[in-house]
N, C-alpha and C. Protein backbone atom coordinates (compact mmCIF):
# COMPACT_ATOMS: atom_id res chain seq x y z
N UNK A 1 0.85 -1.16 0.00
CA UNK A 1 0.00 0.00 0.00
C UNK A 1 0.90 1.24 0.00
N UNK A 2 0.62 2.15 -0.90
CA UNK A 2 1.44 3.36 -0.99
C UNK A 2 1.15 4.28 0.19
N UNK A 3 2.11 5.11 0.56
CA UNK A 3 1.88 6.04 1.68
C UNK A 3 0.71 6.99 1.41
N UNK A 4 0.55 7.41 0.15
CA UNK A 4 -0.55 8.32 -0.18
C UNK A 4 -1.90 7.64 0.05
N UNK A 5 -2.03 6.40 -0.41
CA UNK A 5 -3.29 5.67 -0.23
C UNK A 5 -3.54 5.37 1.24
N UNK A 6 -2.50 5.03 1.97
CA UNK A 6 -2.65 4.77 3.41
C UNK A 6 -3.15 6.03 4.12
N UNK A 7 -2.61 7.18 3.75
CA UNK A 7 -3.06 8.44 4.33
C UNK A 7 -4.51 8.72 3.97
N UNK A 8 -4.87 8.45 2.72
CA UNK A 8 -6.24 8.65 2.25
C UNK A 8 -7.22 7.78 3.05
N UNK A 9 -6.89 6.52 3.22
CA UNK A 9 -7.77 5.61 3.95
C UNK A 9 -7.86 6.01 5.42
N UNK A 10 -6.75 6.40 6.02
CA UNK A 10 -6.78 6.79 7.43
C UNK A 10 -7.63 8.05 7.62
N UNK A 11 -7.57 8.98 6.66
CA UNK A 11 -8.41 10.17 6.75
C UNK A 11 -9.89 9.81 6.62
N UNK A 12 -10.22 8.88 5.73
CA UNK A 12 -11.61 8.43 5.61
C UNK A 12 -12.09 7.80 6.91
N UNK A 13 -11.23 7.00 7.54
CA UNK A 13 -11.61 6.36 8.80
C UNK A 13 -11.79 7.39 9.91
N UNK A 14 -10.96 8.42 9.92
CA UNK A 14 -11.12 9.49 10.91
C UNK A 14 -12.46 10.20 10.73
N UNK A 15 -12.81 10.48 9.47
CA UNK A 15 -14.08 11.14 9.19
C UNK A 15 -15.23 10.25 9.62
N UNK A 16 -15.15 8.97 9.32
CA UNK A 16 -16.21 8.03 9.69
C UNK A 16 -16.35 7.96 11.21
N UNK A 17 -15.24 7.91 11.93
CA UNK A 17 -15.28 7.87 13.38
C UNK A 17 -15.92 9.14 13.94
N UNK A 18 -15.51 10.30 13.40
CA UNK A 18 -16.08 11.56 13.86
C UNK A 18 -17.59 11.60 13.59
N UNK A 19 -18.00 11.07 12.44
CA UNK A 19 -19.42 11.01 12.11
C UNK A 19 -20.18 10.14 13.11
N UNK A 20 -19.62 8.99 13.47
CA UNK A 20 -20.28 8.10 14.43
C UNK A 20 -20.38 8.73 15.82
N UNK A 21 -19.33 9.42 16.25
CA UNK A 21 -19.36 10.09 17.55
C UNK A 21 -20.41 11.19 17.55
N UNK A 22 -20.46 11.97 16.47
CA UNK A 22 -21.44 13.05 16.36
C UNK A 22 -22.86 12.48 16.33
N UNK A 23 -23.05 11.40 15.60
CA UNK A 23 -24.37 10.77 15.53
C UNK A 23 -24.80 10.26 16.91
N UNK A 24 -23.88 9.64 17.62
CA UNK A 24 -24.20 9.12 18.96
C UNK A 24 -24.59 10.28 19.89
N UNK A 25 -23.85 11.37 19.83
CA UNK A 25 -24.16 12.53 20.68
C UNK A 25 -25.52 13.11 20.30
N UNK A 26 -25.83 13.16 19.01
CA UNK A 26 -27.12 13.69 18.56
C UNK A 26 -28.26 12.80 19.03
N UNK A 27 -28.07 11.49 18.96
CA UNK A 27 -29.11 10.56 19.43
C UNK A 27 -29.35 10.75 20.92
N UNK A 28 -28.28 10.94 21.68
CA UNK A 28 -28.44 11.14 23.12
C UNK A 28 -29.18 12.44 23.42
N UNK A 29 -28.94 13.48 22.62
CA UNK A 29 -29.60 14.77 22.84
C UNK A 29 -31.04 14.78 22.35
N UNK A 30 -31.28 14.21 21.17
CA UNK A 30 -32.59 14.37 20.53
C UNK A 30 -33.42 13.10 20.46
N UNK A 31 -32.85 11.98 20.82
CA UNK A 31 -33.61 10.74 20.82
C UNK A 31 -33.57 9.97 19.51
N UNK A 32 -33.59 10.65 18.39
CA UNK A 32 -33.55 9.95 17.10
C UNK A 32 -32.81 10.84 16.11
N UNK A 33 -31.90 10.25 15.38
CA UNK A 33 -31.15 10.99 14.38
C UNK A 33 -30.69 10.02 13.31
N UNK A 34 -30.28 10.56 12.21
CA UNK A 34 -29.79 9.74 11.10
C UNK A 34 -28.44 10.30 10.66
N UNK A 35 -27.42 9.47 10.56
CA UNK A 35 -26.11 9.98 10.14
C UNK A 35 -26.16 10.45 8.69
N UNK A 36 -25.34 11.44 8.38
CA UNK A 36 -25.34 11.97 7.01
C UNK A 36 -24.62 11.04 6.05
N UNK A 37 -23.69 10.24 6.55
CA UNK A 37 -22.99 9.30 5.67
C UNK A 37 -23.74 7.98 5.66
N UNK A 38 -24.36 7.67 4.54
CA UNK A 38 -25.13 6.45 4.42
C UNK A 38 -24.37 5.42 3.61
N UNK A 39 -23.60 5.87 2.62
CA UNK A 39 -22.92 4.98 1.69
C UNK A 39 -21.41 5.09 1.89
N UNK A 40 -20.73 3.96 1.92
CA UNK A 40 -19.27 3.93 2.05
C UNK A 40 -18.66 4.53 0.78
N UNK A 41 -17.80 5.56 0.90
CA UNK A 41 -17.28 6.24 -0.29
C UNK A 41 -16.37 5.38 -1.17
N UNK A 42 -15.72 4.38 -0.62
CA UNK A 42 -14.82 3.56 -1.44
C UNK A 42 -15.56 2.46 -2.20
N UNK A 43 -16.59 1.90 -1.60
CA UNK A 43 -17.28 0.77 -2.23
C UNK A 43 -18.61 1.15 -2.86
N UNK A 44 -19.22 2.23 -2.40
CA UNK A 44 -20.54 2.61 -2.89
C UNK A 44 -21.66 1.80 -2.28
N UNK A 45 -21.34 0.95 -1.30
CA UNK A 45 -22.34 0.12 -0.63
C UNK A 45 -22.75 0.76 0.69
N UNK A 46 -23.97 0.48 1.16
CA UNK A 46 -24.37 1.03 2.45
C UNK A 46 -23.52 0.46 3.58
N UNK A 47 -23.34 1.25 4.62
CA UNK A 47 -22.64 0.74 5.79
C UNK A 47 -23.46 -0.40 6.39
N UNK A 48 -22.82 -1.37 7.05
CA UNK A 48 -23.55 -2.53 7.58
C UNK A 48 -24.72 -2.16 8.49
N UNK A 49 -24.57 -1.14 9.31
CA UNK A 49 -25.66 -0.78 10.22
C UNK A 49 -26.81 -0.11 9.48
N UNK A 50 -26.60 0.31 8.22
CA UNK A 50 -27.65 0.93 7.42
C UNK A 50 -28.25 -0.05 6.42
N UNK A 51 -27.71 -1.24 6.31
CA UNK A 51 -28.16 -2.18 5.29
C UNK A 51 -29.60 -2.63 5.50
N UNK A 52 -30.06 -2.65 6.74
CA UNK A 52 -31.43 -3.10 7.00
C UNK A 52 -32.46 -2.04 6.66
N UNK A 53 -32.04 -0.77 6.54
CA UNK A 53 -32.96 0.30 6.17
C UNK A 53 -33.83 0.79 7.31
N UNK A 54 -33.49 0.43 8.54
CA UNK A 54 -34.32 0.79 9.68
C UNK A 54 -34.49 2.27 9.89
N UNK A 55 -33.43 3.01 10.08
CA UNK A 55 -33.52 4.43 10.38
C UNK A 55 -33.60 5.28 9.12
N UNK A 56 -33.43 4.73 7.96
CA UNK A 56 -33.43 5.51 6.74
C UNK A 56 -34.83 5.90 6.28
N UNK A 57 -35.85 5.36 6.90
CA UNK A 57 -37.22 5.67 6.52
C UNK A 57 -37.58 7.05 7.06
N UNK A 58 -38.29 7.87 6.25
CA UNK A 58 -38.70 9.18 6.76
C UNK A 58 -39.77 9.03 7.83
N UNK A 59 -39.90 10.02 8.71
CA UNK A 59 -40.95 9.94 9.72
C UNK A 59 -42.32 9.90 9.04
N UNK A 60 -43.34 9.34 9.69
CA UNK A 60 -44.64 9.19 9.05
C UNK A 60 -45.29 10.50 8.64
N UNK A 61 -44.98 11.60 9.33
CA UNK A 61 -45.61 12.88 9.01
C UNK A 61 -44.86 13.65 7.92
N UNK A 62 -43.72 13.15 7.46
CA UNK A 62 -42.94 13.86 6.44
C UNK A 62 -43.64 13.74 5.09
N UNK A 63 -43.74 14.87 4.40
CA UNK A 63 -44.36 14.84 3.07
C UNK A 63 -43.28 14.64 2.02
N UNK A 64 -43.61 13.86 1.02
CA UNK A 64 -42.68 13.59 -0.07
C UNK A 64 -43.18 14.32 -1.30
N UNK A 65 -42.33 15.17 -1.87
CA UNK A 65 -42.73 15.92 -3.06
C UNK A 65 -41.84 15.59 -4.21
């Protein structure tokens, strides 16, 4: 693995970790939240915790236009 690619991957992991910490803090404050990162940027696949589609559903009162 080249140093540039290793740095790139480590930066992506830092961003992902920061996103998870922020999401956890938001859930504790507001009770329900959805992380902004849904799809893994390298693979284009949903993160494992999002694969079931549980929290990705809009609230029942949300209007779709």
